[in-house]
Each structure stands twice: as C-alpha cells, then as structure tokens.
C-alpha atoms as a PDB file:
ATOM      1  CA  UNK A   1      20.953  21.780 -13.509  1.00  0.00           C
ATOM      2  CA  UNK A   2      20.014  18.192 -12.613  1.00  0.00           C
ATOM      3  CA  UNK A   3      18.630  19.006  -9.178  1.00  0.00           C
ATOM      4  CA  UNK A   4      15.763  18.194  -6.842  1.00  0.00           C
ATOM      5  CA  UNK A   5      14.691  19.320  -3.388  1.00  0.00           C
ATOM      6  CA  UNK A   6      14.011  16.796  -0.633  1.00  0.00           C
ATOM      7  CA  UNK A   7      12.733  18.655   2.392  1.00  0.00           C
ATOM      8  CA  UNK A   8      15.449  21.145   3.316  1.00  0.00           C
ATOM      9  CA  UNK A   9      18.129  19.284   1.345  1.00  0.00           C
ATOM     10  CA  UNK A  10      19.114  20.054  -2.231  1.00  0.00           C
ATOM     11  CA  UNK A  11      20.313  17.045  -4.246  1.00  0.00           C
ATOM     12  CA  UNK A  12      22.301  17.643  -7.446  1.00  0.00           C
ATOM     13  CA  UNK A  13      23.455  14.960  -9.857  1.00  0.00           C
ATOM     14  CA  UNK A  14      26.957  15.481 -11.307  1.00  0.00           C
ATOM     15  CA  UNK A  15      28.089  13.313 -14.220  1.00  0.00           C
ATOM     16  CA  UNK A  16      31.503  11.751 -14.781  1.00  0.00           C
ATOM     17  CA  UNK A  17      30.819   8.853 -17.194  1.00  0.00           C
ATOM     18  CA  UNK A  18      27.863   7.161 -18.875  1.00  0.00           C
ATOM     19  CA  UNK A  19      28.314   4.204 -21.186  1.00  0.00           C
ATOM     20  CA  UNK A  20      29.296   0.542 -21.504  1.00  0.00           C
ATOM     21  CA  UNK A  21      31.366  -1.142 -18.808  1.00  0.00           C
ATOM     22  CA  UNK A  22      32.596  -4.110 -20.879  1.00  0.00           C
ATOM     23  CA  UNK A  23      30.746  -6.720 -18.827  1.00  0.00           C
ATOM     24  CA  UNK A  24      27.759  -8.599 -20.200  1.00  0.00           C
ATOM     25  CA  UNK A  25      24.591  -8.694 -18.138  1.00  0.00           C
ATOM     26  CA  UNK A  26      24.856 -12.466 -17.597  1.00  0.00           C
ATOM     27  CA  UNK A  27      28.392 -12.041 -16.202  1.00  0.00           C
ATOM     28  CA  UNK A  28      27.710  -8.896 -14.177  1.00  0.00           C
ATOM     29  CA  UNK A  29      24.527 -10.376 -12.664  1.00  0.00           C
ATOM     30  CA  UNK A  30      24.953 -14.153 -13.026  1.00  0.00           C
ATOM     31  CA  UNK A  31      21.937 -14.954 -10.830  1.00  0.00           C
ATOM     32  CA  UNK A  32      19.492 -12.840 -12.844  1.00  0.00           C
ATOM     33  CA  UNK A  33      16.979 -14.516 -15.111  1.00  0.00           C
ATOM     34  CA  UNK A  34      17.017 -14.079 -18.867  1.00  0.00           C
ATOM     35  CA  UNK A  35      13.286 -13.430 -18.674  1.00  0.00           C
ATOM     36  CA  UNK A  36      13.548 -10.343 -16.456  1.00  0.00           C
ATOM     37  CA  UNK A  37      15.801  -8.637 -19.003  1.00  0.00           C
ATOM     38  CA  UNK A  38      13.611  -9.605 -21.925  1.00  0.00           C
ATOM     39  CA  UNK A  39      10.265  -8.841 -20.254  1.00  0.00           C
ATOM     40  CA  UNK A  40      11.470  -5.341 -19.314  1.00  0.00           C
ATOM     41  CA  UNK A  41      13.528  -4.607 -22.397  1.00  0.00           C
ATOM     42  CA  UNK A  42      11.296  -1.697 -23.438  1.00  0.00           C
ATOM     43  CA  UNK A  43      12.816   0.468 -20.702  1.00  0.00           C
ATOM     44  CA  UNK A  44      16.001  -1.391 -19.719  1.00  0.00           C
ATOM     45  CA  UNK A  45      17.514  -1.199 -23.210  1.00  0.00           C
ATOM     46  CA  UNK A  46      17.593   2.595 -23.373  1.00  0.00           C
ATOM     47  CA  UNK A  47      19.599   3.272 -20.231  1.00  0.00           C
ATOM     48  CA  UNK A  48      20.868   0.071 -18.597  1.00  0.00           C
ATOM     49  CA  UNK A  49      22.005  -2.483 -21.181  1.00  0.00           C
ATOM     50  CA  UNK A  50      22.945  -2.689 -24.845  1.00  0.00           C
ATOM     51  CA  UNK A  51      20.248  -4.910 -26.405  1.00  0.00           C
ATOM     52  CA  UNK A  52      22.553  -6.237 -29.132  1.00  0.00           C
ATOM     53  CA  UNK A  53      25.726  -7.022 -27.164  1.00  0.00           C
ATOM     54  CA  UNK A  54      24.107  -7.471 -23.711  1.00  0.00           C
ATOM     55  CA  UNK A  55      26.905  -5.291 -22.289  1.00  0.00           C
ATOM     56  CA  UNK A  56      25.787  -3.392 -19.196  1.00  0.00           C
ATOM     57  CA  UNK A  57      25.502   0.381 -19.452  1.00  0.00           C
ATOM     58  CA  UNK A  58      26.357   2.278 -16.286  1.00  0.00           C
ATOM     59  CA  UNK A  59      26.683   5.794 -14.916  1.00  0.00           C
ATOM     60  CA  UNK A  60      29.488   7.147 -12.785  1.00  0.00           C
ATOM     61  CA  UNK A  61      28.159  10.127 -10.895  1.00  0.00           C
ATOM     62  CA  UNK A  62      28.456  12.081  -7.687  1.00  0.00           C
ATOM     63  CA  UNK A  63      25.519  13.259  -5.646  1.00  0.00           C
ATOM     64  CA  UNK A  64      25.990  16.756  -4.231  1.00  0.00           C
ATOM     65  CA  UNK A  65      23.938  17.464  -1.123  1.00  0.00           C
ATOM     66  CA  UNK A  66      23.464  20.878   0.443  1.00  0.00           C
ATOM     67  CA  UNK A  67      22.261  20.371   3.991  1.00  0.00           C
ATOM     68  CA  UNK A  68      22.327  22.678   7.015  1.00  0.00           C
ATOM     69  CA  UNK A  69      24.729  25.073   5.295  1.00  0.00           C
ATOM     70  CA  UNK A  70      27.269  22.441   4.257  1.00  0.00           C
ATOM     71  CA  UNK A  71      28.217  20.988   0.873  1.00  0.00           C
ATOM     72  CA  UNK A  72      28.468  17.196   0.892  1.00  0.00           C
ATOM     73  CA  UNK A  73      29.587  14.830  -1.868  1.00  0.00           C
ATOM     74  CA  UNK A  74      28.329  11.247  -1.987  1.00  0.00           C
ATOM     75  CA  UNK A  75      30.978   9.130  -3.765  1.00  0.00           C
ATOM     76  CA  UNK A  76      33.673  10.583  -5.991  1.00  0.00           C
ATOM     77  CA  UNK A  77      33.743   8.366  -9.058  1.00  0.00           C
ATOM     78  CA  UNK A  78      36.786   7.103 -10.909  1.00  0.00           C
ATOM     79  CA  UNK A  79      39.135  10.079 -11.141  1.00  0.00           C
ATOM     80  CA  UNK A  80      41.685  11.044 -13.757  1.00  0.00           C
ATOM     81  CA  UNK A  81      45.033   9.400 -14.604  1.00  0.00           C
ATOM     82  CA  UNK A  82      44.518   6.475 -12.215  1.00  0.00           C
ATOM     83  CA  UNK A  83      46.341   3.248 -13.132  1.00  0.00           C
ATOM     84  CA  UNK A  84      43.755   0.449 -13.107  1.00  0.00           C
ATOM     85  CA  UNK A  85      45.399  -2.552 -14.795  1.00  0.00           C
ATOM     86  CA  UNK A  86      42.534  -4.914 -13.954  1.00  0.00           C
ATOM     87  CA  UNK A  87      39.710  -2.434 -14.606  1.00  0.00           C
ATOM     88  CA  UNK A  88      40.516  -1.212 -18.090  1.00  0.00           C
ATOM     89  CA  UNK A  89      37.397   0.944 -18.530  1.00  0.00           C
ATOM     90  CA  UNK A  90      38.522   3.088 -15.601  1.00  0.00           C
ATOM     91  CA  UNK A  91      42.252   3.215 -16.334  1.00  0.00           C
ATOM     92  CA  UNK A  92      43.861   6.604 -17.027  1.00  0.00           C
ATOM     93  CA  UNK A  93      40.630   8.454 -17.678  1.00  0.00           C
ATOM     94  CA  UNK A  94      40.600  12.124 -18.584  1.00  0.00           C
ATOM     95  CA  UNK A  95      37.111  13.400 -17.834  1.00  0.00           C
ATOM     96  CA  UNK A  96      35.664  16.856 -17.220  1.00  0.00           C
ATOM     97  CA  UNK A  97      34.281  15.922 -13.805  1.00  0.00           C
ATOM     98  CA  UNK A  98      35.655  18.977 -11.980  1.00  0.00           C
ATOM     99  CA  UNK A  99      34.208  21.224 -14.683  1.00  0.00           C
ATOM    100  CA  UNK A 100      30.861  19.486 -14.266  1.00  0.00           C
ATOM    101  CA  UNK A 101      31.109  19.998 -10.522  1.00  0.00           C
ATOM    102  CA  UNK A 102      31.846  23.684 -11.110  1.00  0.00           C
ATOM    103  CA  UNK A 103      28.740  23.957 -13.292  1.00  0.00           C
ATOM    104  CA  UNK A 104      26.802  22.706 -10.288  1.00  0.00           C
ATOM    105  CA  UNK A 105      28.248  25.617  -8.319  1.00  0.00           C
ATOM    106  CA  UNK A 106      30.861  23.649  -6.394  1.00  0.00           C
ATOM    107  CA  UNK A 107      34.591  24.384  -6.317  1.00  0.00           C
ATOM    108  CA  UNK A 108      36.879  21.865  -4.588  1.00  0.00           C
ATOM    109  CA  UNK A 109      37.494  24.215  -1.664  1.00  0.00           C
ATOM    110  CA  UNK A 110      33.720  24.553  -1.091  1.00  0.00           C
ATOM    111  CA  UNK A 111      33.265  20.909  -0.119  1.00  0.00           C
ATOM    112  CA  UNK A 112      32.802  20.292   3.604  1.00  0.00           C
ATOM    113  CA  UNK A 113      32.229  16.522   3.650  1.00  0.00           C
ATOM    114  CA  UNK A 114      33.030  13.682   1.258  1.00  0.00           C
ATOM    115  CA  UNK A 115      31.174  10.411   1.804  1.00  0.00           C
ATOM    116  CA  UNK A 116      32.656   7.263   0.327  1.00  0.00           C
ATOM    117  CA  UNK A 117      29.848   4.707   0.635  1.00  0.00           C
ATOM    118  CA  UNK A 118      32.535   2.048   0.180  1.00  0.00           C
ATOM    119  CA  UNK A 119      36.087   1.980  -1.149  1.00  0.00           C
ATOM    120  CA  UNK A 120      35.810   0.470  -4.618  1.00  0.00           C
ATOM    121  CA  UNK A 121      37.715   2.122  -7.463  1.00  0.00           C
ATOM    122  CA  UNK A 122      34.659   3.886  -8.922  1.00  0.00           C
ATOM    123  CA  UNK A 123      33.643   5.504  -5.635  1.00  0.00           C
ATOM    124  CA  UNK A 124      36.867   7.099  -4.409  1.00  0.00           C
ATOM    125  CA  UNK A 125      38.739   8.231  -7.521  1.00  0.00           C
ATOM    126  CA  UNK A 126      38.267  11.970  -7.188  1.00  0.00           C
ATOM    127  CA  UNK A 127      39.257  11.816  -3.524  1.00  0.00           C
ATOM    128  CA  UNK A 128      42.649  12.805  -4.941  1.00  0.00           C
ATOM    129  CA  UNK A 129      44.167  14.478  -7.974  1.00  0.00           C
ATOM    130  CA  UNK A 130      47.620  14.263  -9.509  1.00  0.00           C
ATOM    131  CA  UNK A 131      49.649  17.196  -8.199  1.00  0.00           C
ATOM    132  CA  UNK A 132      52.894  16.911 -10.128  1.00  0.00           C
ATOM    133  CA  UNK A 133      54.046  13.395  -9.301  1.00  0.00           C
ATOM    134  CA  UNK A 134      52.021  13.003  -6.097  1.00  0.00           C
ATOM    135  CA  UNK A 135      48.394  12.311  -5.240  1.00  0.00           C
ATOM    136  CA  UNK A 136      46.855  15.075  -3.131  1.00  0.00           C
ATOM    137  CA  UNK A 137      43.361  15.504  -1.646  1.00  0.00           C
ATOM    138  CA  UNK A 138      41.085  17.117  -4.237  1.00  0.00           C
ATOM    139  CA  UNK A 139      38.912  18.733  -1.576  1.00  0.00           C
ATOM    140  CA  UNK A 140      41.316  20.502   0.782  1.00  0.00           C
ATOM    141  CA  UNK A 141      38.768  21.615   3.379  1.00  0.00           C
ATOM    142  CA  UNK A 142      36.695  18.442   3.516  1.00  0.00           C
ATOM    143  CA  UNK A 143      36.400  15.677   6.054  1.00  0.00           C
ATOM    144  CA  UNK A 144      36.299  12.354   4.198  1.00  0.00           C
ATOM    145  CA  UNK A 145      33.922   9.882   5.851  1.00  0.00           C
ATOM    146  CA  UNK A 146      35.087   6.319   5.175  1.00  0.00           C
ATOM    147  CA  UNK A 147      33.762   3.068   6.671  1.00  0.00           C
ATOM    148  CA  UNK A 148      36.480   1.677   8.917  1.00  0.00           C
ATOM    149  CA  UNK A 149      35.666  -1.908   7.921  1.00  0.00           C
ATOM    150  CA  UNK A 150      36.375  -1.089   4.279  1.00  0.00           C
ATOM    151  CA  UNK A 151      39.476   0.933   5.158  1.00  0.00           C
ATOM    152  CA  UNK A 152      40.871  -2.097   6.978  1.00  0.00           C
ATOM    153  CA  UNK A 153      39.754  -4.605   4.326  1.00  0.00           C
ATOM    154  CA  UNK A 154      41.278  -2.765   1.360  1.00  0.00           C
ATOM    155  CA  UNK A 155      44.475  -1.722   3.122  1.00  0.00           C
ATOM    156  CA  UNK A 156      47.053  -3.956   1.390  1.00  0.00           C
ATOM    157  CA  UNK A 157      49.098  -4.134   4.598  1.00  0.00           C
ATOM    158  CA  UNK A 158      46.348  -6.316   6.086  1.00  0.00           C
ATOM    159  CA  UNK A 159      46.687  -8.993   3.409  1.00  0.00           C
ATOM    160  CA  UNK A 160      43.006  -9.607   2.631  1.00  0.00           C
ATOM    161  CA  UNK A 161      42.227 -11.444  -0.599  1.00  0.00           C
ATOM    162  CA  UNK A 162      39.045 -10.023  -2.122  1.00  0.00           C
ATOM    163  CA  UNK A 163      36.569 -12.441  -3.637  1.00  0.00           C
ATOM    164  CA  UNK A 164      36.260  -9.994  -6.519  1.00  0.00           C
ATOM    165  CA  UNK A 165      39.917 -10.359  -7.526  1.00  0.00           C
ATOM    166  CA  UNK A 166      42.360  -7.624  -8.490  1.00  0.00           C
ATOM    167  CA  UNK A 167      39.996  -4.917  -9.784  1.00  0.00           C
ATOM    168  CA  UNK A 168      40.763  -2.636  -6.847  1.00  0.00           C
ATOM    169  CA  UNK A 169      44.539  -2.736  -7.299  1.00  0.00           C
ATOM    170  CA  UNK A 170      46.290   0.620  -6.586  1.00  0.00           C
ATOM    171  CA  UNK A 171      43.096   2.201  -5.253  1.00  0.00           C
ATOM    172  CA  UNK A 172      44.067   2.339  -1.598  1.00  0.00           C
ATOM    173  CA  UNK A 173      47.479   3.758  -2.437  1.00  0.00           C
ATOM    174  CA  UNK A 174      46.343   6.539  -4.787  1.00  0.00           C
ATOM    175  CA  UNK A 175      42.839   7.437  -3.581  1.00  0.00           C
ATOM    176  CA  UNK A 176      42.587   6.529   0.120  1.00  0.00           C
ATOM    177  CA  UNK A 177      46.001   6.636   1.800  1.00  0.00           C
ATOM    178  CA  UNK A 178      46.900  10.190   0.635  1.00  0.00           C
ATOM    179  CA  UNK A 179      43.739  11.564   2.233  1.00  0.00           C
ATOM    180  CA  UNK A 180      44.324   9.637   5.442  1.00  0.00           C
ATOM    181  CA  UNK A 181      47.947  10.776   5.595  1.00  0.00           C
ATOM    182  CA  UNK A 182      46.747  14.373   5.199  1.00  0.00           C
ATOM    183  CA  UNK A 183      44.647  13.955   8.358  1.00  0.00           C
ATOM    184  CA  UNK A 184      41.333  14.452   6.537  1.00  0.00           C
ATOM    185  CA  UNK A 185      39.611  11.094   7.159  1.00  0.00           C
ATOM    186  CA  UNK A 186      37.050  10.113   9.738  1.00  0.00           C
ATOM    187  CA  UNK A 187      36.804   6.332   9.952  1.00  0.00           C
ATOM    188  CA  UNK A 188      33.374   5.486  11.307  1.00  0.00           C
ATOM    189  CA  UNK A 189      31.752   2.233  12.453  1.00  0.00           C
ATOM    190  CA  UNK A 190      28.143   1.020  12.705  1.00  0.00           C
ATOM    191  CA  UNK A 191      26.469   4.413  12.213  1.00  0.00           C
ATOM    192  CA  UNK A 192      27.366   8.079  11.990  1.00  0.00           C
ATOM    193  CA  UNK A 193      25.044  11.067  12.310  1.00  0.00           C
ATOM    194  CA  UNK A 194      26.112  13.866   9.933  1.00  0.00           C
ATOM    195  CA  UNK A 195      23.394  16.399  10.758  1.00  0.00           C
ATOM    196  CA  UNK A 196      19.669  16.569  11.474  1.00  0.00           C
ATOM    197  CA  UNK A 197      18.872  15.382   7.949  1.00  0.00           C
ATOM    198  CA  UNK A 198      21.538  12.781   7.195  1.00  0.00           C
ATOM    199  CA  UNK A 199      22.739   9.541   8.800  1.00  0.00           C
ATOM    200  CA  UNK A 200      25.192   6.890   7.630  1.00  0.00           C
ATOM    201  CA  UNK A 201      24.599   3.238   8.501  1.00  0.00           C
ATOM    202  CA  UNK A 202      26.581   0.093   7.856  1.00  0.00           C
ATOM    203  CA  UNK A 203      25.045  -2.048   5.096  1.00  0.00           C
ATOM    204  CA  UNK A 204      27.618  -4.817   4.554  1.00  0.00           C
ATOM    205  CA  UNK A 205      27.571  -7.402   1.817  1.00  0.00           C
ATOM    206  CA  UNK A 206      28.810  -5.788  -1.357  1.00  0.00           C
ATOM    207  CA  UNK A 207      31.946  -4.993   0.636  1.00  0.00           C
ATOM    208  CA  UNK A 208      32.593  -5.486   4.358  1.00  0.00           C
ATOM    209  CA  UNK A 209      32.149  -1.772   5.017  1.00  0.00           C
ATOM    210  CA  UNK A 210      29.461  -0.926   2.481  1.00  0.00           C
ATOM    211  CA  UNK A 211      27.089   1.725   3.791  1.00  0.00           C
ATOM    212  CA  UNK A 212      23.903   3.614   3.024  1.00  0.00           C
ATOM    213  CA  UNK A 213      23.096   7.267   3.625  1.00  0.00           C
ATOM    214  CA  UNK A 214      19.558   7.971   4.811  1.00  0.00           C
ATOM    215  CA  UNK A 215      17.997  11.394   4.229  1.00  0.00           C
ATOM    216  CA  UNK A 216      15.035  12.376   6.382  1.00  0.00           C
ATOM    217  CA  UNK A 217      13.830  15.963   6.030  1.00  0.00           C
ATOM    218  CA  UNK A 218      10.278  17.146   6.550  1.00  0.00           C
ATOM    219  CA  UNK A 219       8.009  14.607   4.902  1.00  0.00           C
ATOM    220  CA  UNK A 220      10.661  13.495   2.401  1.00  0.00           C
ATOM    221  CA  UNK A 221      12.736  10.339   2.635  1.00  0.00           C
ATOM    222  CA  UNK A 222      15.595   9.035   0.501  1.00  0.00           C
ATOM    223  CA  UNK A 223      18.346   6.464   0.818  1.00  0.00           C
ATOM    224  CA  UNK A 224      21.628   6.617  -1.094  1.00  0.00           C
ATOM    225  CA  UNK A 225      22.537   2.959  -1.447  1.00  0.00           C
ATOM    226  CA  UNK A 226      25.911   2.975  -3.229  1.00  0.00           C
ATOM    227  CA  UNK A 227      26.410  -0.398  -4.921  1.00  0.00           C
ATOM    228  CA  UNK A 228      23.648  -2.223  -3.098  1.00  0.00           C
ATOM    229  CA  UNK A 229      22.051  -1.901  -6.548  1.00  0.00           C
ATOM    230  CA  UNK A 230      23.792  -1.627  -9.916  1.00  0.00           C
ATOM    231  CA  UNK A 231      20.689  -2.155 -12.040  1.00  0.00           C
ATOM    232  CA  UNK A 232      16.906  -1.858 -11.621  1.00  0.00           C
ATOM    233  CA  UNK A 233      16.757  -5.618 -12.220  1.00  0.00           C
ATOM    234  CA  UNK A 234      17.912  -6.002  -8.618  1.00  0.00           C
ATOM    235  CA  UNK A 235      14.715  -4.285  -7.491  1.00  0.00           C
ATOM    236  CA  UNK A 236      12.614  -6.732  -9.475  1.00  0.00           C
ATOM    237  CA  UNK A 237      14.799  -9.679  -8.406  1.00  0.00           C
ATOM    238  CA  UNK A 238      16.227  -8.587  -5.026  1.00  0.00           C
ATOM    239  CA  UNK A 239      18.207 -11.787  -4.441  1.00  0.00           C
ATOM    240  CA  UNK A 240      20.365 -11.067  -7.499  1.00  0.00           C
ATOM    241  CA  UNK A 241      23.904  -9.952  -6.648  1.00  0.00           C
ATOM    242  CA  UNK A 242      26.542  -8.420  -8.829  1.00  0.00           C
ATOM    243  CA  UNK A 243      29.712 -10.399  -9.507  1.00  0.00           C
ATOM    244  CA  UNK A 244      31.580  -7.922  -7.286  1.00  0.00           C
ATOM    245  CA  UNK A 245      29.819  -8.726  -4.000  1.00  0.00           C
ATOM    246  CA  UNK A 246      32.245  -9.952  -1.339  1.00  0.00           C
ATOM    247  CA  UNK A 247      29.561 -11.562   0.843  1.00  0.00           C
ATOM    248  CA  UNK A 248      26.693 -12.777  -1.356  1.00  0.00           C
ATOM    249  CA  UNK A 249      24.365 -13.765   1.500  1.00  0.00           C
ATOM    250  CA  UNK A 250      25.013 -10.496   3.316  1.00  0.00           C
ATOM    251  CA  UNK A 251      24.406  -8.494   0.148  1.00  0.00           C
ATOM    252  CA  UNK A 252      21.018 -10.161  -0.389  1.00  0.00           C
ATOM    253  CA  UNK A 253      19.962  -9.557   3.205  1.00  0.00           C
ATOM    254  CA  UNK A 254      21.010  -5.902   3.079  1.00  0.00           C
ATOM    255  CA  UNK A 255      19.223  -5.329  -0.238  1.00  0.00           C
ATOM    256  CA  UNK A 256      15.957  -6.783   1.032  1.00  0.00           C
ATOM    257  CA  UNK A 257      16.167  -4.831   4.292  1.00  0.00           C
ATOM    258  CA  UNK A 258      16.857  -1.462   2.663  1.00  0.00           C
ATOM    259  CA  UNK A 259      14.332  -1.916  -0.160  1.00  0.00           C
ATOM    260  CA  UNK A 260      11.739  -2.950   2.401  1.00  0.00           C
ATOM    261  CA  UNK A 261      12.371   0.189   4.436  1.00  0.00           C
ATOM    262  CA  UNK A 262      12.192   2.331   1.304  1.00  0.00           C
ATOM    263  CA  UNK A 263       8.902   0.771   0.218  1.00  0.00           C
ATOM    264  CA  UNK A 264       7.355   1.144   3.664  1.00  0.00           C
ATOM    265  CA  UNK A 265       8.500   4.765   4.061  1.00  0.00           C
ATOM    266  CA  UNK A 266       7.913   6.040   0.513  1.00  0.00           C
ATOM    267  CA  UNK A 267      11.615   6.766   0.225  1.00  0.00           C
ATOM    268  CA  UNK A 268      13.487   7.501  -2.982  1.00  0.00           C
ATOM    269  CA  UNK A 269      16.165   4.835  -3.647  1.00  0.00           C
ATOM    270  CA  UNK A 270      19.299   6.471  -5.070  1.00  0.00           C
ATOM    271  CA  UNK A 271      22.002   4.015  -6.225  1.00  0.00           C
ATOM    272  CA  UNK A 272      25.443   5.090  -7.329  1.00  0.00           C
ATOM    273  CA  UNK A 273      25.362   3.923 -10.934  1.00  0.00           C
ATOM    274  CA  UNK A 274      21.882   4.086 -12.394  1.00  0.00           C
ATOM    275  CA  UNK A 275      21.624   5.867 -15.695  1.00  0.00           C
ATOM    276  CA  UNK A 276      18.158   6.823 -16.840  1.00  0.00           C
ATOM    277  CA  UNK A 277      16.439   8.965 -14.227  1.00  0.00           C
ATOM    278  CA  UNK A 278      18.958   7.959 -11.594  1.00  0.00           C
ATOM    279  CA  UNK A 279      16.653   6.985  -8.742  1.00  0.00           C
ATOM    280  CA  UNK A 280      13.337   5.248  -8.118  1.00  0.00           C
ATOM    281  CA  UNK A 281      10.477   4.876  -5.686  1.00  0.00           C
ATOM    282  CA  UNK A 282       9.719   1.224  -4.975  1.00  0.00           C
ATOM    283  CA  UNK A 283       6.764  -0.779  -3.723  1.00  0.00           C
ATOM    284  CA  UNK A 284       6.439  -4.286  -2.372  1.00  0.00           C
ATOM    285  CA  UNK A 285       5.350  -6.899  -4.913  1.00  0.00           C
ATOM    286  CA  UNK A 286       4.860 -10.193  -3.122  1.00  0.00           C
ATOM    287  CA  UNK A 287       8.316 -11.370  -2.062  1.00  0.00           C
ATOM    288  CA  UNK A 288      10.012  -8.874  -4.385  1.00  0.00           C
ATOM    289  CA  UNK A 289       9.638  -5.207  -5.296  1.00  0.00           C
ATOM    290  CA  UNK A 290       8.465  -3.142  -8.213  1.00  0.00           C
ATOM    291  CA  UNK A 291       9.293   0.332  -9.471  1.00  0.00           C
ATOM    292  CA  UNK A 292       6.529   2.751  -8.531  1.00  0.00           C
ATOM    293  CA  UNK A 293       8.042   5.801 -10.177  1.00  0.00           C
ATOM    294  CA  UNK A 294      11.265   7.437 -11.284  1.00  0.00           C
ATOM    295  CA  UNK A 295      12.986  10.546  -9.942  1.00  0.00           C
ATOM    296  CA  UNK A 296      12.608  13.704 -12.061  1.00  0.00           C
ATOM    297  CA  UNK A 297      16.266  13.782 -13.138  1.00  0.00           C
ATOM    298  CA  UNK A 298      16.761  13.903 -16.901  1.00  0.00           C
ATOM    299  CA  UNK A 299      18.047  10.670 -18.452  1.00  0.00           C
ATOM    300  CA  UNK A 300      21.662  10.791 -19.603  1.00  0.00           C
ATOM    301  CA  UNK A 301      20.674   9.025 -22.832  1.00  0.00           C
ATOM    302  CA  UNK A 302      18.574  12.110 -23.652  1.00  0.00           C
ATOM    303  CA  UNK A 303      21.299  14.620 -22.729  1.00  0.00           C
ATOM    304  CA  UNK A 304      24.613  13.244 -24.013  1.00  0.00           C
END
C-alpha cells in the first residue's frame, strides 16, 4: 500500500491514471525556461515529461486521509464514462479507480468527507457514477466540501467565460450538480476547519475558488495544494503558471506564499498530479525554491 503516517493522520495514495496528457511542456507551462527542463532532465524525464516528444506526463490520483476516525478523500480524479469533448484524454475513460480504492481499504459507503480542492474536470470526476442513465453520488454517506467561489464560477447558469476555454464543459452538470441536488454539498468560503488536524483555506489563482488543505498533527506538517503545482519545475521557477490558470498574477502570488510557508515549516508539499514520489519537501533558494527531498511513496514509473 502506498501509505505514510503524518502525526495521527494516515495518508494513502490511490491511482487512477499515469501517463501523457497530450500537451507539450512549452504549451502547458509557456513561461518556463528551456534551460530548467534541460538542466534537470536526469530526474524530470523519468516521471514528468517525455524527453523525445516534450509531452507532459501527469498523474491522476486521490489522496485518502484517515483523521480522527473519519475517511476523507482529497480530489476525485476524472471518473468513468464522462463526455469531455474538449479534453480528449479524459473523455469516456474506463479505469479501475474504485477497485484501487477498495485495495486501499475504502468502499464508497465508508467515505465521510470528499474535498474538491477546485472544480476542474480532473478533480471532481468520481464525485458521481453512471447509475443507469443518471449521474448519482459515488459516496452516498459523504459530505462534499466545495469552494463556493468555484461552484459559482463554473455554474453555467452564471455565464462566466473561463480564460482556459471549454475544457470544463459538462463537468458541472455531471459531477457537481448531482451531488448538490442530493443535498450532500457544503459550500465553504475563506476557510473551513475539518478537524483538529485539517484545515481548508482559499488559495485563488488557478481558479477563483482554488484551495489548499493544511495538515498539522504532532510535529508533522503537510499541505495538499491541488493544481497550485502541476510539475516540480514550478518549485524551481515559482512564477511559472500552467496554461489553465484563470488569474495568472493571483496564481503566482498564491504559489509563492504557500511554498514559502512550506519551506519555513518543513511541510511536505503534496500536489494533485505529480508522478514520481508524489510529494516533496522544499527549501528557499534565493528568490525561488529547491527540492530538499521526496516523499517515500513509490514512483508510478517503477510500479506500472
């Protein structure tokens, strides 16, 4: 089992997808320098980018937390059978995610809380499953914690036009609205205390409602940062955004703030999509940051 202990909290990594995402590094991260990819190719090439095509390699995974007697999921991936006409890699997948979750000892009815760090298509997909011809909540006993700012932004009734285009088409209708209509959502703003170990805080930029989950237990610290980072290059060059950031200036400010806190508090940084060892400890390096060490999770490239 891909699992670590942080204080009194158990953190388990559950895989849905690992592989290419059909976007080249220079398109995914247009502000990144060619040199940072080349100078760090010895470790980036194995888990984060294809060295021949330059296509980015990414992981879709859910973090399972067991804290104060409750089972908590952080992000729910892409999901099966979802129509994603403008995100072809994620369209109509058929993965064994629920089987992988079961291998981690979690049945859908065991889940107490689902955290969607934001409401992009690859973070909410398993919120629902196809029950006949209808989308139903996958986790029938869970409260789904969703940032209200993202709920409002992605609700098509509100008429917002995302900077990132049409990639999130159908997502609200098939992965958010059914859960809300079932009365299982809690739409939070600014911050939300889950228990003595876990707190959600707004971290806007990537999306208006993007959030981070901070874990503080005993002497251990960690921060689950969602899509604040898609690649370790954004640790080395913290002003680099992905092409999917709605507010570029806000995303840069959030990244620097959270990485600074992590460096100063010896906290493990746990993004949503890192392959390799999944998470890193960081240190300040002048005006940027460096990777001090990796989490002890096994690299997907060594397992799959």
